[in-house]
Each structure stands twice: as C-alpha cells, then as structure tokens.
C-alpha cells in the first residue's frame, strides 16, 4: 500500500514525508536529483521528473495512493496531467491533490485558474480523489521580515493564515485513510484571521524588539520581488494575490484541519515562537 509523494523538496511535501515516516507508513518520494535531496529514514527515494512523463513509470509502480503537489508556475497543469496519467497507467487508487486557495475558473489569480484546470482534470480522471485548497502559508512570512520591517501580500486586510505543518498533517491523515475523504474538497485555514499589523505585533512581543508592518501596493510588491530575483511570471502572480487578499478575499477560517486530524491547527503566536531564531536573525 505504497504512498508516493511529489514535490518532495517543497515546504508542505517535506512535512508530509515527516508525518508519514513518523507513522511508519510505506512511503516513496519522487525526486529529480537524489544528490541534492536531504533524505529521511524510512522513505524510499526514486528519481523521476513530472516534466518528463517517460521517467515516471518506475516511480509509480506498486503505488496505491498519490500526494500530488506541483510548484506554482505556468507548467503546473502539464506536470499535474503527467502525474495523473502515470497514476492511471499504474493503477493508483486515490490521489490527494494540493491545489490553491480559491481555485476556480474565475479566480482572481492566474495560479488559481491554472489549479482549477488541474482540479477538474483530476475530478474527471476516474480515480478516487481528495483536494486541499489551503489558505496562505504562515511559512511565507519567514522571508518577509527585514530588520524591524515586515512585508507581505495582505494590504490592510485579514487572512486566515495556516501553518504548513498543519496542511501536511491533514494531507498525511487523508493519505493514511483515503476512503474517509473520497470526493471531498477542503480549504484548510488556521484558527484566526489576522492582519499583517497583528503579525508584526506578535513578532514584537516574541522578539522583544519593535517590528513594523510596511504596506506595499501591488506594483511595489511586484517590483520588489523582481529586484529580489523572482521571475517575472511569479512576481506578477504574487502581485495578483496582493490585490485579492487586499480586498478581503482570504478573510475566513474554518474547522477543516480539526475535522481531518482531530486537533486544532497552530496559532500564529505558536508559529512565531517555533521560528523565533529565524525571525530574530532576519
């Protein structure tokens, strides 16, 4: 009953691997380059590339359940398509797909619209499925503090941010018992919807040093991301998220993590405490 994990080096998939390895589940991880992948005990690492479908058959052989995560980018629908096709050929029985918050054909971001295409393809694949559309990751803020300043994509709005570890816990729980979640679409959030001013206040309390949120327009956010070395497509899409979040689009919470895992998701204060050293050195 092997579980195959894609997106192995990504924030969420790394945590899914840790969760499953800790549960002693039979788990396999798809990687492009073994030499560049930190490896966990109890995980079988196999080489394959979602951009090259001819490399996937050995990795998918004997797999019962697939964790399907593709990185944000214009190639994501092609990568997802290749994974679903390989899964069909291998007889995979269930796919858990990490989609995006608000994924829909009329979503306000290109990323959301691309994910809607892949969600629809999976739903019509003939394979049992579960889809996760999580809120904004708390981990995205790890790179948003510079000295006493905090930046971000929320404008002045609130967002129900979620710790990626809680997304992974939900994903691992579904992978371990997929029959309980067949045909379900979940939108995991954290327990509270916060502003970036509140995030800065929490950092100030935890670090004992002042941290101030610096608002940016969508255009400023895009230009700063480009200056930091991000590619044009990704910078523009994140600026689209700045517009969407700034309109209140992400201001909601729910009980999806608790329903799936049986426990409450982490608060932002817990996240900051866990990553205190990182924020202190940023």
Protein backbone atom coordinates (compact mmCIF):
# COMPACT_ATOMS: atom_id res chain seq x y z
CA UNK A 1 0.00 0.00 0.00
CA UNK A 2 2.75 2.40 -1.00
CA UNK A 3 2.15 6.17 -0.84
CA UNK A 4 4.04 8.29 -3.41
CA UNK A 5 4.90 11.90 -2.59
CA UNK A 6 5.63 14.52 -5.26
CA UNK A 7 7.06 18.00 -4.70
CA UNK A 8 9.43 16.38 -2.23
CA UNK A 9 11.66 19.41 -1.69
CA UNK A 10 8.74 21.81 -1.17
CA UNK A 11 7.61 23.19 2.21
CA UNK A 12 4.44 21.10 2.52
CA UNK A 13 5.65 17.85 0.96
CA UNK A 14 8.70 17.74 3.25
CA UNK A 15 6.34 17.91 6.22
CA UNK A 16 4.04 15.25 4.71
CA UNK A 17 7.04 12.94 4.43
CA UNK A 18 7.94 13.55 8.08
CA UNK A 19 4.38 12.85 9.17
CA UNK A 20 4.13 9.60 7.22
CA UNK A 21 7.62 8.39 8.15
CA UNK A 22 6.76 9.01 11.80
CA UNK A 23 3.65 6.85 11.36
CA UNK A 24 5.77 4.14 9.71
CA UNK A 25 3.66 4.30 6.56
CA UNK A 26 5.24 2.75 3.42
CA UNK A 27 6.20 5.93 1.61
CA UNK A 28 8.11 6.73 -1.56
CA UNK A 29 9.38 10.18 -2.59
CA UNK A 30 9.76 11.36 -6.19
CA UNK A 31 12.88 13.49 -6.74
CA UNK A 32 14.70 14.84 -9.77
CA UNK A 33 18.19 14.57 -8.25
CA UNK A 34 19.00 12.26 -5.33
CA UNK A 35 22.31 14.02 -4.68
CA UNK A 36 20.50 17.29 -3.89
CA UNK A 37 17.78 15.84 -1.67
CA UNK A 38 18.10 15.52 2.13
CA UNK A 39 16.79 12.05 2.90
CA UNK A 40 14.67 10.84 5.81
CA UNK A 41 14.91 7.40 7.36
CA UNK A 42 12.07 5.12 6.34
CA UNK A 43 11.45 6.86 2.99
CA UNK A 44 12.21 5.22 -0.37
CA UNK A 45 13.55 7.89 -2.78
CA UNK A 46 13.10 7.37 -6.51
CA UNK A 47 14.17 9.51 -9.46
CA UNK A 48 11.58 10.92 -11.84
CA UNK A 49 10.51 14.22 -13.37
CA UNK A 50 6.90 15.41 -13.78
CA UNK A 51 8.04 17.37 -16.85
CA UNK A 52 9.23 14.10 -18.46
CA UNK A 53 6.43 11.52 -18.41
CA UNK A 54 8.71 8.79 -19.75
CA UNK A 55 10.58 8.84 -16.39
CA UNK A 56 7.53 8.22 -14.21
CA UNK A 57 6.50 4.58 -14.68
CA UNK A 58 9.11 3.04 -12.32
CA UNK A 59 8.28 5.56 -9.58
CA UNK A 60 4.53 4.88 -9.82
CA UNK A 61 4.81 1.08 -9.92
CA UNK A 62 3.00 -0.50 -6.97
CA UNK A 63 1.69 2.83 -5.67
CA UNK A 64 -1.78 2.84 -4.14
CA UNK A 65 -2.11 6.49 -3.12
CA UNK A 66 -0.52 9.64 -4.55
CA UNK A 67 0.20 13.02 -2.95
CA UNK A 68 0.17 15.37 -5.94
CA UNK A 69 1.84 18.74 -5.50
CA UNK A 70 3.14 20.83 -8.37
CA UNK A 71 5.08 24.09 -7.88
CA UNK A 72 3.42 27.37 -8.84
CA UNK A 73 4.15 28.20 -12.46
CA UNK A 74 2.76 28.10 -16.00
CA UNK A 75 3.88 24.46 -16.39
CA UNK A 76 1.86 23.25 -13.40
CA UNK A 77 -1.12 21.92 -15.43
CA UNK A 78 1.21 19.91 -17.64
CA UNK A 79 3.02 18.46 -14.62
CA UNK A 80 -0.26 17.57 -12.93
CA UNK A 81 -1.55 15.99 -16.15
CA UNK A 82 1.58 13.84 -16.46
CA UNK A 83 1.22 12.66 -12.87
CA UNK A 84 -2.46 11.79 -13.26
CA UNK A 85 -1.74 9.89 -16.48
CA UNK A 86 1.09 7.93 -14.83
CA UNK A 87 -1.23 7.19 -11.91
CA UNK A 88 -3.91 5.84 -14.25
CA UNK A 89 -1.38 3.63 -16.03
CA UNK A 90 -0.08 2.29 -12.72
CA UNK A 91 -3.50 1.61 -11.19
CA UNK A 92 -3.23 4.19 -8.39
CA UNK A 93 -6.47 4.10 -6.41
CA UNK A 94 -6.56 7.54 -4.77
CA UNK A 95 -4.95 10.94 -5.38
CA UNK A 96 -4.73 13.71 -2.79
CA UNK A 97 -4.07 16.94 -4.65
CA UNK A 98 -2.68 20.13 -3.12
CA UNK A 99 -4.47 22.88 -5.01
CA UNK A 100 -4.67 26.59 -4.12
CA UNK A 101 -6.96 28.80 -2.08
CA UNK A 102 -9.93 29.92 -4.15
CA UNK A 103 -9.03 27.77 -7.15
CA UNK A 104 -11.74 28.36 -9.75
CA UNK A 105 -12.10 29.21 -13.40
CA UNK A 106 -12.89 32.80 -12.35
CA UNK A 107 -10.26 33.05 -9.60
CA UNK A 108 -8.56 36.46 -9.28
CA UNK A 109 -5.09 34.98 -9.85
CA UNK A 110 -3.61 33.03 -12.73
CA UNK A 111 -2.38 30.46 -10.24
CA UNK A 112 -5.92 29.86 -9.01
CA UNK A 113 -7.25 29.50 -12.56
CA UNK A 114 -4.49 27.05 -13.51
CA UNK A 115 -5.18 24.96 -10.42
CA UNK A 116 -8.88 24.90 -11.36
CA UNK A 117 -7.94 23.21 -14.64
CA UNK A 118 -5.94 20.51 -12.84
CA UNK A 119 -8.61 20.07 -10.18
CA UNK A 120 -11.22 19.49 -12.89
CA UNK A 121 -8.96 17.03 -14.72
CA UNK A 122 -8.46 15.00 -11.54
CA UNK A 123 -12.18 15.04 -10.72
CA UNK A 124 -12.89 13.56 -14.15
CA UNK A 125 -9.97 11.12 -14.22
CA UNK A 126 -11.85 8.08 -12.94
CA UNK A 127 -9.51 7.89 -9.94
CA UNK A 128 -10.79 8.48 -6.41
CA UNK A 129 -9.65 11.91 -5.20
CA UNK A 130 -9.43 14.47 -2.42
CA UNK A 131 -8.47 18.12 -2.99
CA UNK A 132 -6.91 20.53 -0.50
CA UNK A 133 -7.09 24.28 -1.17
CA UNK A 134 -5.25 25.75 1.82
CA UNK A 135 -5.09 29.37 2.88
CA UNK A 136 -1.91 31.46 2.83
CA UNK A 137 1.02 29.66 4.48
CA UNK A 138 2.47 31.19 7.64
CA UNK A 139 5.85 30.00 6.33
CA UNK A 140 5.59 32.56 3.51
CA UNK A 141 6.31 35.21 6.14
CA UNK A 142 9.67 33.67 7.05
CA UNK A 143 11.22 35.60 4.17
CA UNK A 144 9.15 38.74 4.69
CA UNK A 145 10.95 40.29 7.67
CA UNK A 146 13.92 42.57 7.11
CA UNK A 147 15.30 44.10 10.28
CA UNK A 148 12.47 45.91 12.02
CA UNK A 149 10.21 45.81 8.95
CA UNK A 150 7.65 43.18 7.90
CA UNK A 151 6.34 42.98 4.35
CA UNK A 152 3.54 40.88 2.88
CA UNK A 153 0.69 40.46 0.43
CA UNK A 154 -2.36 41.25 2.57
CA UNK A 155 -2.60 45.02 2.32
CA UNK A 156 -4.69 46.07 5.32
CA UNK A 157 -6.96 43.01 5.15
CA UNK A 158 -7.20 39.90 7.31
CA UNK A 159 -6.22 36.42 6.12
CA UNK A 160 -6.85 33.05 7.82
CA UNK A 161 -3.19 32.03 7.59
CA UNK A 162 -2.23 28.39 8.21
CA UNK A 163 0.96 26.69 9.30
CA UNK A 164 2.22 24.41 6.53
CA UNK A 165 2.77 21.72 9.17
CA UNK A 166 -1.00 21.61 9.70
CA UNK A 167 -1.61 21.29 5.97
CA UNK A 168 0.83 18.39 5.97
CA UNK A 169 -0.83 16.76 8.98
CA UNK A 170 -4.17 16.95 7.18
CA UNK A 171 -2.65 15.57 4.00
CA UNK A 172 -0.96 12.69 5.81
CA UNK A 173 -4.19 11.80 7.62
CA UNK A 174 -6.04 11.64 4.31
CA UNK A 175 -3.29 9.60 2.66
CA UNK A 176 -3.40 7.09 5.52
CA UNK A 177 -7.20 6.64 5.25
CA UNK A 178 -8.28 7.98 1.85
CA UNK A 179 -11.65 6.19 1.83
CA UNK A 180 -12.85 8.56 4.57
CA UNK A 181 -12.26 11.61 2.38
CA UNK A 182 -13.20 10.44 -1.10
CA UNK A 183 -14.65 13.23 -3.27
CA UNK A 184 -14.02 15.91 -0.63
CA UNK A 185 -12.65 19.42 -1.21
CA UNK A 186 -11.15 21.01 1.90
CA UNK A 187 -9.92 24.58 2.40
CA UNK A 188 -7.70 24.34 5.50
CA UNK A 189 -7.12 27.55 7.45
CA UNK A 190 -5.59 28.49 10.75
CA UNK A 191 -7.74 29.22 13.82
CA UNK A 192 -7.70 33.01 13.35
CA UNK A 193 -7.80 35.58 10.58
CA UNK A 194 -5.09 38.19 11.15
CA UNK A 195 -3.70 41.38 9.63
CA UNK A 196 -0.03 41.95 9.00
CA UNK A 197 -0.10 44.69 11.63
CA UNK A 198 -1.15 41.98 14.12
CA UNK A 199 1.61 39.72 12.76
CA UNK A 200 4.15 42.49 13.35
CA UNK A 201 2.81 42.99 16.90
CA UNK A 202 3.25 39.28 17.61
CA UNK A 203 6.83 39.39 16.32
CA UNK A 204 7.49 42.41 18.53
CA UNK A 205 6.19 40.56 21.62
CA UNK A 206 8.14 37.39 20.90
CA UNK A 207 11.43 39.01 19.87
CA UNK A 208 11.35 41.85 22.39
CA UNK A 209 12.25 44.26 19.58
CA UNK A 210 9.97 46.51 17.53
CA UNK A 211 8.73 45.13 14.21
CA UNK A 212 6.56 47.28 11.97
CA UNK A 213 4.45 46.22 9.00
CA UNK A 214 5.24 48.20 5.84
CA UNK A 215 2.29 48.21 3.39
CA UNK A 216 3.06 47.91 -0.30
CA UNK A 217 0.88 48.42 -3.34
CA UNK A 218 0.58 45.50 -5.78
CA UNK A 219 3.01 47.27 -8.09
CA UNK A 220 5.53 47.83 -5.30
CA UNK A 221 5.25 44.20 -4.25
CA UNK A 222 5.86 43.03 -7.82
CA UNK A 223 8.86 45.33 -8.32
CA UNK A 224 10.45 44.33 -5.01
CA UNK A 225 10.03 40.65 -5.81
CA UNK A 226 11.67 41.18 -9.19
CA UNK A 227 14.55 43.02 -7.54
CA UNK A 228 14.92 40.08 -5.16
CA UNK A 229 15.43 37.78 -8.15
CA UNK A 230 12.00 36.24 -8.61
CA UNK A 231 10.98 35.51 -12.20
CA UNK A 232 8.51 37.81 -13.97
CA UNK A 233 5.59 35.35 -14.04
CA UNK A 234 5.77 34.54 -10.33
CA UNK A 235 6.22 38.18 -9.31
CA UNK A 236 3.16 39.20 -11.31
CA UNK A 237 1.06 36.37 -9.90
CA UNK A 238 2.02 37.27 -6.34
CA UNK A 239 1.02 40.85 -7.10
CA UNK A 240 -2.37 39.44 -8.17
CA UNK A 241 -2.61 37.76 -4.77
CA UNK A 242 -1.83 41.14 -3.19
CA UNK A 243 -4.89 42.57 -4.97
CA UNK A 244 -7.08 39.61 -3.99
CA UNK A 245 -6.02 39.42 -0.34
CA UNK A 246 -6.21 43.19 -0.03
CA UNK A 247 -9.88 43.02 -0.98
CA UNK A 248 -10.65 40.67 1.93
CA UNK A 249 -10.70 37.57 -0.28
CA UNK A 250 -8.81 35.45 2.30
CA UNK A 251 -10.62 36.67 5.42
CA UNK A 252 -12.18 33.45 6.70
CA UNK A 253 -11.46 30.47 8.94
CA UNK A 254 -13.00 27.01 9.29
CA UNK A 255 -12.67 23.70 11.15
CA UNK A 256 -11.26 21.61 8.30
CA UNK A 257 -7.92 20.82 9.97
CA UNK A 258 -9.67 19.69 13.16
CA UNK A 259 -12.17 17.62 11.20
CA UNK A 260 -9.40 15.80 9.37
CA UNK A 261 -6.74 15.46 12.07
CA UNK A 262 -8.75 15.56 15.30
CA UNK A 263 -6.75 18.51 16.67
CA UNK A 264 -6.76 22.28 16.35
CA UNK A 265 -4.34 23.99 13.94
CA UNK A 266 -1.48 26.08 15.29
CA UNK A 267 -1.99 29.74 16.09
CA UNK A 268 0.23 32.43 14.59
CA UNK A 269 1.72 33.02 18.04
CA UNK A 270 2.77 29.35 18.20
CA UNK A 271 4.28 29.60 14.72
CA UNK A 272 6.32 32.67 15.65
CA UNK A 273 7.52 31.02 18.86
CA UNK A 274 8.62 27.91 16.95
CA UNK A 275 10.56 30.06 14.47
CA UNK A 276 11.83 32.66 16.88
CA UNK A 277 15.50 32.18 15.99
CA UNK A 278 14.80 32.57 12.28
CA UNK A 279 12.85 35.79 12.77
CA UNK A 280 15.45 37.12 15.21
CA UNK A 281 18.20 36.74 12.63
CA UNK A 282 16.21 38.04 9.65
